[in-house]
């Protein structure tokens, strides 16, 4: 019975480890994408006047 337990553990780990790695990679990409978007929105806000009037450009 112990050999079946060990075989089950190996089968579970080999199936679960790739899912864990993929999840970590996707989470990292998601955080990076969110940071890029936040910088882009911040730059746009600085150029276009801060958010009250979205289409009126603020000239320095």
N, C-alpha and C. Protein backbone atom coordinates (compact mmCIF):
# COMPACT_ATOMS: atom_id res chain seq x y z
N UNK A 1 0.81 -1.18 0.00
CA UNK A 1 0.00 0.00 0.00
C UNK A 1 0.86 1.26 0.00
N UNK A 2 2.03 1.20 0.62
CA UNK A 2 2.92 2.35 0.68
C UNK A 2 3.40 2.75 -0.71
N UNK A 3 3.62 1.76 -1.58
CA UNK A 3 4.08 2.09 -2.93
C UNK A 3 3.00 2.82 -3.72
N UNK A 4 1.74 2.52 -3.49
CA UNK A 4 0.65 3.24 -4.15
C UNK A 4 0.57 4.68 -3.65
N UNK A 5 0.80 4.84 -2.36
CA UNK A 5 0.79 6.18 -1.78
C UNK A 5 1.91 7.02 -2.40
N UNK A 6 3.10 6.43 -2.50
CA UNK A 6 4.24 7.14 -3.09
C UNK A 6 4.00 7.45 -4.56
N UNK A 7 3.44 6.51 -5.29
CA UNK A 7 3.14 6.74 -6.70
C UNK A 7 2.10 7.85 -6.87
N UNK A 8 1.12 7.86 -6.02
CA UNK A 8 0.11 8.92 -6.07
C UNK A 8 0.71 10.29 -5.77
N UNK A 9 1.62 10.33 -4.81
CA UNK A 9 2.27 11.59 -4.47
C UNK A 9 3.12 12.10 -5.63
N UNK A 10 3.82 11.20 -6.30
CA UNK A 10 4.63 11.59 -7.45
C UNK A 10 3.75 12.09 -8.59
N UNK A 11 2.66 11.39 -8.86
CA UNK A 11 1.75 11.80 -9.93
C UNK A 11 1.11 13.15 -9.61
N UNK A 12 0.75 13.37 -8.37
CA UNK A 12 0.15 14.64 -7.98
C UNK A 12 1.15 15.77 -8.12
N UNK A 13 2.37 15.55 -7.67
CA UNK A 13 3.40 16.60 -7.72
C UNK A 13 3.77 16.94 -9.16
N UNK A 14 3.89 15.97 -10.02
CA UNK A 14 4.27 16.26 -11.40
C UNK A 14 3.16 16.99 -12.14
N UNK A 15 1.93 16.83 -11.73
CA UNK A 15 0.84 17.57 -12.35
C UNK A 15 0.63 18.94 -11.73
N UNK A 16 0.96 19.09 -10.46
CA UNK A 16 0.69 20.32 -9.75
C UNK A 16 1.81 21.34 -9.87
N UNK A 17 3.04 20.90 -10.00
CA UNK A 17 4.18 21.82 -10.09
C UNK A 17 4.10 22.70 -11.34
N UNK A 18 3.80 22.17 -12.52
CA UNK A 18 3.67 23.07 -13.69
C UNK A 18 2.55 24.10 -13.53
N UNK A 19 1.46 23.71 -12.89
CA UNK A 19 0.37 24.66 -12.66
C UNK A 19 0.84 25.77 -11.72
N UNK A 20 1.58 25.43 -10.69
CA UNK A 20 2.10 26.42 -9.75
C UNK A 20 3.06 27.37 -10.46
N UNK A 21 3.96 26.84 -11.26
CA UNK A 21 4.91 27.68 -12.00
C UNK A 21 4.17 28.62 -12.95
N UNK A 22 3.20 28.10 -13.66
CA UNK A 22 2.42 28.93 -14.59
C UNK A 22 1.67 30.03 -13.85
N UNK A 23 1.10 29.71 -12.70
CA UNK A 23 0.38 30.70 -11.91
C UNK A 23 1.31 31.81 -11.44
N UNK A 24 2.50 31.46 -11.00
CA UNK A 24 3.46 32.46 -10.55
C UNK A 24 3.88 33.36 -11.70
N UNK A 25 4.16 32.78 -12.87
CA UNK A 25 4.55 33.56 -14.03
C UNK A 25 3.44 34.53 -14.44
N UNK A 26 2.20 34.05 -14.46
CA UNK A 26 1.08 34.91 -14.82
C UNK A 26 0.89 36.04 -13.82
N UNK A 27 1.07 35.76 -12.54
CA UNK A 27 0.93 36.80 -11.52
C UNK A 27 2.00 37.88 -11.70
N UNK A 28 3.22 37.47 -11.99
CA UNK A 28 4.31 38.43 -12.21
C UNK A 28 4.00 39.30 -13.43
N UNK A 29 3.55 38.68 -14.51
CA UNK A 29 3.21 39.45 -15.72
C UNK A 29 2.06 40.41 -15.44
N UNK A 30 1.10 40.00 -14.65
CA UNK A 30 -0.05 40.84 -14.33
C UNK A 30 0.39 42.08 -13.54
N UNK A 31 1.27 41.89 -12.56
CA UNK A 31 1.77 43.01 -11.76
C UNK A 31 2.57 43.97 -12.63
N UNK A 32 3.42 43.45 -13.50
CA UNK A 32 4.21 44.31 -14.38
C UNK A 32 3.31 45.10 -15.32
N UNK A 33 2.30 44.45 -15.87
CA UNK A 33 1.37 45.13 -16.77
C UNK A 33 0.63 46.24 -16.04
N UNK A 34 0.21 45.96 -14.81
CA UNK A 34 -0.50 46.96 -14.02
C UNK A 34 0.39 48.17 -13.73
N UNK A 35 1.66 47.94 -13.44
CA UNK A 35 2.59 49.04 -13.18
C UNK A 35 2.80 49.87 -14.43
N UNK A 36 2.94 49.21 -15.59
CA UNK A 36 3.10 49.95 -16.85
C UNK A 36 1.88 50.82 -17.13
N UNK A 37 0.69 50.27 -16.91
CA UNK A 37 -0.53 51.03 -17.14
C UNK A 37 -0.63 52.22 -16.19
N UNK A 38 -0.25 52.03 -14.94
CA UNK A 38 -0.30 53.12 -13.97
C UNK A 38 0.65 54.24 -14.37
N UNK A 39 1.85 53.90 -14.85
CA UNK A 39 2.78 54.93 -15.31
C UNK A 39 2.22 55.67 -16.51
N UNK A 40 1.61 54.92 -17.44
CA UNK A 40 1.04 55.54 -18.64
C UNK A 40 -0.09 56.50 -18.26
N UNK A 41 -0.96 56.07 -17.37
CA UNK A 41 -2.07 56.93 -16.94
C UNK A 41 -1.54 58.15 -16.20
N UNK A 42 -0.51 57.98 -15.40
CA UNK A 42 0.09 59.10 -14.69
C UNK A 42 0.69 60.12 -15.64
N UNK A 43 1.38 59.64 -16.66
CA UNK A 43 1.95 60.56 -17.65
C UNK A 43 0.85 61.30 -18.40
N UNK A 44 -0.19 60.58 -18.78
CA UNK A 44 -1.29 61.20 -19.51
C UNK A 44 -1.97 62.25 -18.63
N UNK A 45 -2.13 61.95 -17.36
CA UNK A 45 -2.76 62.89 -16.44
C UNK A 45 -1.91 64.14 -16.29
N UNK A 46 -0.60 63.98 -16.23
CA UNK A 46 0.29 65.12 -16.09
C UNK A 46 0.24 66.01 -17.32
N UNK A 47 0.12 65.43 -18.49
CA UNK A 47 0.11 66.20 -19.73
C UNK A 47 -1.25 66.84 -19.97
N UNK A 48 -2.32 66.12 -19.65
CA UNK A 48 -3.66 66.59 -20.01
C UNK A 48 -4.38 67.31 -18.88
N UNK A 49 -3.72 67.60 -17.79
CA UNK A 49 -4.31 68.50 -16.81
C UNK A 49 -4.86 67.88 -15.55
N UNK A 50 -4.62 66.64 -15.27
CA UNK A 50 -4.94 66.11 -13.97
C UNK A 50 -6.29 65.46 -13.80
N UNK A 51 -7.15 65.43 -14.76
CA UNK A 51 -8.34 64.63 -14.64
C UNK A 51 -9.66 65.36 -14.66
N UNK A 52 -9.72 66.66 -14.35
CA UNK A 52 -11.01 67.34 -14.37
C UNK A 52 -11.53 67.46 -15.79
N UNK A 53 -10.70 67.94 -16.66
CA UNK A 53 -11.08 68.05 -18.06
C UNK A 53 -10.18 67.12 -18.86
N UNK A 54 -10.73 66.06 -19.30
CA UNK A 54 -9.94 65.02 -19.93
C UNK A 54 -9.36 65.47 -21.27
N UNK A 55 -10.02 66.37 -21.95
CA UNK A 55 -9.59 66.70 -23.31
C UNK A 55 -8.89 68.04 -23.42
N UNK A 56 -8.83 68.81 -22.35
CA UNK A 56 -8.18 70.11 -22.41
C UNK A 56 -6.73 69.94 -21.99
N UNK A 57 -5.82 70.26 -22.89
CA UNK A 57 -4.40 70.09 -22.60
C UNK A 57 -3.90 71.23 -21.72
N UNK A 58 -3.09 70.88 -20.75
CA UNK A 58 -2.48 71.88 -19.89
C UNK A 58 -1.12 72.26 -20.48
N UNK A 59 -0.96 73.49 -20.86
CA UNK A 59 0.30 73.94 -21.46
C UNK A 59 1.22 74.48 -20.38
N UNK A 60 2.46 74.07 -20.39
CA UNK A 60 3.40 74.56 -19.37
C UNK A 60 3.77 76.01 -19.57
